[in-house]
Amino acid sequence: ASSPPPPHQTQKAQSTVGIVSKSSVKYRDQVLQSFILRAYLI
């Protein structure tokens, strides 16, 4: 087994993943809202 990376690297990776997941959830919500609006309009 390889040695684990330094804690500051894993923390940085976790924060990056958190930012990406937050933005993807925001984007997904916007897409869902646009689909719902289109369904209502059509």
PDB file of N, CA and C in Angstrom:
ATOM      1  N   ALA A   1       0.853  -1.205   0.000  1.00  0.00           N
ATOM      2  CA  ALA A   1       0.000   0.000   0.000  1.00  0.00           C
ATOM      3  C   ALA A   1       0.879   1.242   0.000  1.00  0.00           C
ATOM      4  N   SER A   2       0.462   2.243  -0.762  1.00  0.00           N
ATOM      5  CA  SER A   2       1.250   3.470  -0.825  1.00  0.00           C
ATOM      6  C   SER A   2       0.979   4.317   0.407  1.00  0.00           C
ATOM      7  N   SER A   3       1.921   5.200   0.734  1.00  0.00           N
ATOM      8  CA  SER A   3       1.740   6.048   1.916  1.00  0.00           C
ATOM      9  C   SER A   3       0.670   7.098   1.630  1.00  0.00           C
ATOM     10  N   PRO A   4      -0.141   7.443   2.631  1.00  0.00           N
ATOM     11  CA  PRO A   4      -1.214   8.417   2.419  1.00  0.00           C
ATOM     12  C   PRO A   4      -0.647   9.806   2.132  1.00  0.00           C
ATOM     13  N   PRO A   5      -1.341  10.612   1.337  1.00  0.00           N
ATOM     14  CA  PRO A   5      -0.864  11.960   1.022  1.00  0.00           C
ATOM     15  C   PRO A   5      -0.910  12.852   2.254  1.00  0.00           C
ATOM     16  N   PRO A   6      -0.175  13.948   2.255  1.00  0.00           N
ATOM     17  CA  PRO A   6      -0.202  14.869   3.402  1.00  0.00           C
ATOM     18  C   PRO A   6      -1.616  15.390   3.642  1.00  0.00           C
ATOM     19  N   PRO A   7      -1.957  15.698   4.888  1.00  0.00           N
ATOM     20  CA  PRO A   7      -3.333  16.121   5.198  1.00  0.00           C
ATOM     21  C   PRO A   7      -3.755  17.370   4.446  1.00  0.00           C
ATOM     22  N   HIS A   8      -2.820  18.295   4.211  1.00  0.00           N
ATOM     23  CA  HIS A   8      -3.240  19.533   3.549  1.00  0.00           C
ATOM     24  C   HIS A   8      -3.671  19.260   2.109  1.00  0.00           C
ATOM     25  N   GLN A   9      -3.086  18.234   1.469  1.00  0.00           N
ATOM     26  CA  GLN A   9      -3.497  17.898   0.103  1.00  0.00           C
ATOM     27  C   GLN A   9      -4.915  17.318   0.097  1.00  0.00           C
ATOM     28  N   THR A  10      -5.200  16.398   1.028  1.00  0.00           N
ATOM     29  CA  THR A  10      -6.532  15.793   1.057  1.00  0.00           C
ATOM     30  C   THR A  10      -7.578  16.845   1.408  1.00  0.00           C
ATOM     31  N   GLN A  11      -7.227  17.756   2.319  1.00  0.00           N
ATOM     32  CA  GLN A  11      -8.183  18.808   2.697  1.00  0.00           C
ATOM     33  C   GLN A  11      -8.495  19.685   1.492  1.00  0.00           C
ATOM     34  N   LYS A  12      -7.451  20.033   0.724  1.00  0.00           N
ATOM     35  CA  LYS A  12      -7.658  20.858  -0.464  1.00  0.00           C
ATOM     36  C   LYS A  12      -8.559  20.135  -1.460  1.00  0.00           C
ATOM     37  N   ALA A  13      -8.305  18.843  -1.656  1.00  0.00           N
ATOM     38  CA  ALA A  13      -9.117  18.071  -2.592  1.00  0.00           C
ATOM     39  C   ALA A  13     -10.568  18.030  -2.117  1.00  0.00           C
ATOM     40  N   GLN A  14     -10.775  17.829  -0.819  1.00  0.00           N
ATOM     41  CA  GLN A  14     -12.145  17.771  -0.293  1.00  0.00           C
ATOM     42  C   GLN A  14     -12.856  19.096  -0.509  1.00  0.00           C
ATOM     43  N   SER A  15     -12.166  20.221  -0.252  1.00  0.00           N
ATOM     44  CA  SER A  15     -12.815  21.521  -0.425  1.00  0.00           C
ATOM     45  C   SER A  15     -13.158  21.746  -1.896  1.00  0.00           C
ATOM     46  N   THR A  16     -12.264  21.314  -2.798  1.00  0.00           N
ATOM     47  CA  THR A  16     -12.550  21.467  -4.231  1.00  0.00           C
ATOM     48  C   THR A  16     -13.774  20.645  -4.612  1.00  0.00           C
ATOM     49  N   VAL A  17     -13.840  19.425  -4.120  1.00  0.00           N
ATOM     50  CA  VAL A  17     -14.995  18.568  -4.423  1.00  0.00           C
ATOM     51  C   VAL A  17     -16.267  19.206  -3.865  1.00  0.00           C
ATOM     52  N   GLY A  18     -16.175  19.801  -2.683  1.00  0.00           N
ATOM     53  CA  GLY A  18     -17.343  20.458  -2.087  1.00  0.00           C
ATOM     54  C   GLY A  18     -17.825  21.603  -2.953  1.00  0.00           C
ATOM     55  N   ILE A  19     -16.884  22.404  -3.471  1.00  0.00           N
ATOM     56  CA  ILE A  19     -17.272  23.540  -4.323  1.00  0.00           C
ATOM     57  C   ILE A  19     -17.925  23.026  -5.599  1.00  0.00           C
ATOM     58  N   VAL A  20     -17.329  21.994  -6.185  1.00  0.00           N
ATOM     59  CA  VAL A  20     -17.871  21.449  -7.439  1.00  0.00           C
ATOM     60  C   VAL A  20     -19.274  20.878  -7.210  1.00  0.00           C
ATOM     61  N   SER A  21     -19.445  20.133  -6.104  1.00  0.00           N
ATOM     62  CA  SER A  21     -20.753  19.526  -5.853  1.00  0.00           C
ATOM     63  C   SER A  21     -21.798  20.603  -5.600  1.00  0.00           C
ATOM     64  N   LYS A  22     -21.413  21.674  -4.890  1.00  0.00           N
ATOM     65  CA  LYS A  22     -22.372  22.763  -4.645  1.00  0.00           C
ATOM     66  C   LYS A  22     -22.799  23.400  -5.956  1.00  0.00           C
ATOM     67  N   SER A  23     -21.832  23.690  -6.835  1.00  0.00           N
ATOM     68  CA  SER A  23     -22.170  24.346  -8.102  1.00  0.00           C
ATOM     69  C   SER A  23     -22.998  23.407  -8.976  1.00  0.00           C
ATOM     70  N   SER A  24     -22.701  22.102  -8.949  1.00  0.00           N
ATOM     71  CA  SER A  24     -23.460  21.168  -9.774  1.00  0.00           C
ATOM     72  C   SER A  24     -24.895  21.060  -9.268  1.00  0.00           C
ATOM     73  N   VAL A  25     -25.088  21.087  -7.948  1.00  0.00           N
ATOM     74  CA  VAL A  25     -26.445  21.045  -7.388  1.00  0.00           C
ATOM     75  C   VAL A  25     -27.196  22.308  -7.800  1.00  0.00           C
ATOM     76  N   LYS A  26     -26.523  23.462  -7.726  1.00  0.00           N
ATOM     77  CA  LYS A  26     -27.147  24.718  -8.133  1.00  0.00           C
ATOM     78  C   LYS A  26     -27.552  24.645  -9.604  1.00  0.00           C
ATOM     79  N   TYR A  27     -26.651  24.141 -10.451  1.00  0.00           N
ATOM     80  CA  TYR A  27     -26.931  24.030 -11.881  1.00  0.00           C
ATOM     81  C   TYR A  27     -28.093  23.070 -12.122  1.00  0.00           C
ATOM     82  N   ARG A  28     -28.099  21.952 -11.393  1.00  0.00           N
ATOM     83  CA  ARG A  28     -29.173  20.973 -11.552  1.00  0.00           C
ATOM     84  C   ARG A  28     -30.513  21.585 -11.155  1.00  0.00           C
ATOM     85  N   ASP A  29     -30.517  22.375 -10.061  1.00  0.00           N
ATOM     86  CA  ASP A  29     -31.762  23.020  -9.644  1.00  0.00           C
ATOM     87  C   ASP A  29     -32.262  23.975 -10.726  1.00  0.00           C
ATOM     88  N   GLN A  30     -31.340  24.720 -11.336  1.00  0.00           N
ATOM     89  CA  GLN A  30     -31.747  25.653 -12.399  1.00  0.00           C
ATOM     90  C   GLN A  30     -32.336  24.896 -13.579  1.00  0.00           C
ATOM     91  N   VAL A  31     -31.719  23.771 -13.940  1.00  0.00           N
ATOM     92  CA  VAL A  31     -32.223  22.975 -15.060  1.00  0.00           C
ATOM     93  C   VAL A  31     -33.615  22.438 -14.731  1.00  0.00           C
ATOM     94  N   LEU A  32     -33.784  21.940 -13.502  1.00  0.00           N
ATOM     95  CA  LEU A  32     -35.091  21.419 -13.105  1.00  0.00           C
ATOM     96  C   LEU A  32     -36.143  22.520 -13.154  1.00  0.00           C
ATOM     97  N   GLN A  33     -35.793  23.709 -12.656  1.00  0.00           N
ATOM     98  CA  GLN A  33     -36.741  24.825 -12.672  1.00  0.00           C
ATOM     99  C   GLN A  33     -37.138  25.174 -14.097  1.00  0.00           C
ATOM    100  N   SER A  34     -36.164  25.207 -15.025  1.00  0.00           N
ATOM    101  CA  SER A  34     -36.470  25.553 -16.410  1.00  0.00           C
ATOM    102  C   SER A  34     -37.374  24.480 -17.027  1.00  0.00           C
ATOM    103  N   PHE A  35     -37.123  23.206 -16.699  1.00  0.00           N
ATOM    104  CA  PHE A  35     -37.987  22.140 -17.223  1.00  0.00           C
ATOM    105  C   PHE A  35     -39.410  22.303 -16.701  1.00  0.00           C
ATOM    106  N   ILE A  36     -39.547  22.621 -15.392  1.00  0.00           N
ATOM    107  CA  ILE A  36     -40.873  22.786 -14.799  1.00  0.00           C
ATOM    108  C   ILE A  36     -41.587  23.974 -15.447  1.00  0.00           C
ATOM    109  N   LEU A  37     -40.852  25.072 -15.654  1.00  0.00           N
ATOM    110  CA  LEU A  37     -41.457  26.251 -16.277  1.00  0.00           C
ATOM    111  C   LEU A  37     -41.931  25.906 -17.690  1.00  0.00           C
ATOM    112  N   ARG A  38     -41.101  25.182 -18.431  1.00  0.00           N
ATOM    113  CA  ARG A  38     -41.496  24.814 -19.789  1.00  0.00           C
ATOM    114  C   ARG A  38     -42.737  23.922 -19.762  1.00  0.00           C
ATOM    115  N   ALA A  39     -42.783  22.993 -18.824  1.00  0.00           N
ATOM    116  CA  ALA A  39     -43.937  22.098 -18.734  1.00  0.00           C
ATOM    117  C   ALA A  39     -45.203  22.910 -18.467  1.00  0.00           C
ATOM    118  N   TYR A  40     -45.077  23.912 -17.579  1.00  0.00           N
ATOM    119  CA  TYR A  40     -46.251  24.738 -17.280  1.00  0.00           C
ATOM    120  C   TYR A  40     -46.647  25.566 -18.501  1.00  0.00           C
ATOM    121  N   LEU A  41     -45.651  26.128 -19.194  1.00  0.00           N
ATOM    122  CA  LEU A  41     -45.947  26.991 -20.342  1.00  0.00           C
ATOM    123  C   LEU A  41     -46.544  26.181 -21.480  1.00  0.00           C
ATOM    124  N   ILE A  42     -46.061  24.960 -21.668  1.00  0.00           N
ATOM    125  CA  ILE A  42     -46.566  24.130 -22.774  1.00  0.00           C
ATOM    126  C   ILE A  42     -47.846  23.429 -22.308  1.00  0.00           C
TER     127      ILE A  42
END
